[in-house]
């Protein structure tokens, strides 16, 4: 345990909030962002927009999906 003391002191120094900022109650977790669920687009809205406007590039850009994913889904489900 004595070998860990310098590391724990450095970690405690890093966790202290700089002047003017509130102290955080939990440790920094670099993997926290990776645990958030990925948001899927509402494919019914994508389908409706694609059918109404007929422009796959604009539809993909509006809903933040890849053009290849959009075209594959449209082909698989026969949207046009």
Protein backbone atom coordinates (compact mmCIF):
# COMPACT_ATOMS: atom_id res chain seq x y z
CA UNK A 1 0.00 0.00 0.00
CA UNK A 2 2.92 2.33 0.63
CA UNK A 3 3.94 2.09 -3.01
CA UNK A 4 0.52 3.43 -4.04
CA UNK A 5 0.63 6.53 -1.84
CA UNK A 6 2.47 8.79 -4.34
CA UNK A 7 0.05 7.78 -7.07
CA UNK A 8 -2.96 8.39 -4.83
CA UNK A 9 -1.61 11.83 -3.85
CA UNK A 10 -1.18 12.77 -7.52
CA UNK A 11 -4.66 11.51 -8.31
CA UNK A 12 -6.14 13.51 -5.44
CA UNK A 13 -4.34 16.63 -6.71
CA UNK A 14 -5.78 16.11 -10.18
CA UNK A 15 -9.28 15.65 -8.82
CA UNK A 16 -9.24 18.96 -6.92
CA UNK A 17 -11.20 21.60 -8.76
CA UNK A 18 -9.32 24.70 -9.94
CA UNK A 19 -10.18 27.99 -8.28
CA UNK A 20 -13.56 29.28 -9.36
CA UNK A 21 -14.95 25.91 -10.40
CA UNK A 22 -17.20 23.74 -8.24
CA UNK A 23 -15.72 20.49 -7.00
CA UNK A 24 -16.99 17.34 -8.67
CA UNK A 25 -18.39 14.67 -6.41
CA UNK A 26 -17.31 11.76 -8.60
CA UNK A 27 -14.12 10.75 -10.33
CA UNK A 28 -13.49 11.36 -13.99
CA UNK A 29 -14.54 8.35 -16.04
CA UNK A 30 -13.04 8.41 -19.56
CA UNK A 31 -15.37 5.60 -20.67
CA UNK A 32 -18.55 7.37 -19.56
CA UNK A 33 -19.20 8.77 -23.04
CA UNK A 34 -18.91 5.30 -24.53
CA UNK A 35 -21.64 3.94 -22.27
CA UNK A 36 -24.31 6.30 -23.58
CA UNK A 37 -26.71 4.50 -25.87
CA UNK A 38 -26.46 5.35 -29.53
CA UNK A 39 -29.49 7.15 -30.83
CA UNK A 40 -31.17 5.51 -33.78
CA UNK A 41 -33.04 7.67 -36.26
CA UNK A 42 -36.78 7.30 -36.52
CA UNK A 43 -36.85 5.22 -39.68
CA UNK A 44 -40.54 5.97 -40.26
CA UNK A 45 -39.70 9.69 -40.51
CA UNK A 46 -36.73 8.91 -42.73
CA UNK A 47 -38.93 6.80 -45.01
CA UNK A 48 -41.60 9.50 -45.19
CA UNK A 49 -39.04 12.21 -46.01
CA UNK A 50 -37.37 10.01 -48.62
CA UNK A 51 -40.66 9.21 -50.33
CA UNK A 52 -41.83 12.82 -50.26
CA UNK A 53 -38.62 14.43 -51.55
CA UNK A 54 -36.92 11.57 -53.40
CA UNK A 55 -33.45 12.87 -52.57
CA UNK A 56 -31.38 10.32 -50.64
CA UNK A 57 -28.47 12.73 -50.02
CA UNK A 58 -30.71 15.38 -48.44
CA UNK A 59 -32.59 12.78 -46.40
CA UNK A 60 -29.38 11.22 -45.09
CA UNK A 61 -27.97 14.64 -44.17
CA UNK A 62 -31.16 15.72 -42.40
CA UNK A 63 -31.36 12.63 -40.19
CA UNK A 64 -27.61 12.16 -39.67
CA UNK A 65 -27.33 8.73 -41.23
CA UNK A 66 -24.97 7.38 -43.85
CA UNK A 67 -26.07 7.49 -47.46
CA UNK A 68 -25.18 3.81 -47.85
CA UNK A 69 -27.34 2.89 -44.83
CA UNK A 70 -30.24 4.87 -46.24
CA UNK A 71 -29.97 3.35 -49.69
CA UNK A 72 -29.62 -0.16 -48.28
CA UNK A 73 -32.72 0.25 -46.11
CA UNK A 74 -34.70 1.78 -48.99
CA UNK A 75 -33.71 -1.07 -51.29
CA UNK A 76 -34.37 -3.76 -48.67
CA UNK A 77 -37.81 -2.39 -47.79
CA UNK A 78 -38.67 -1.23 -51.35
CA UNK A 79 -39.37 2.41 -50.47
CA UNK A 80 -39.53 3.62 -54.06
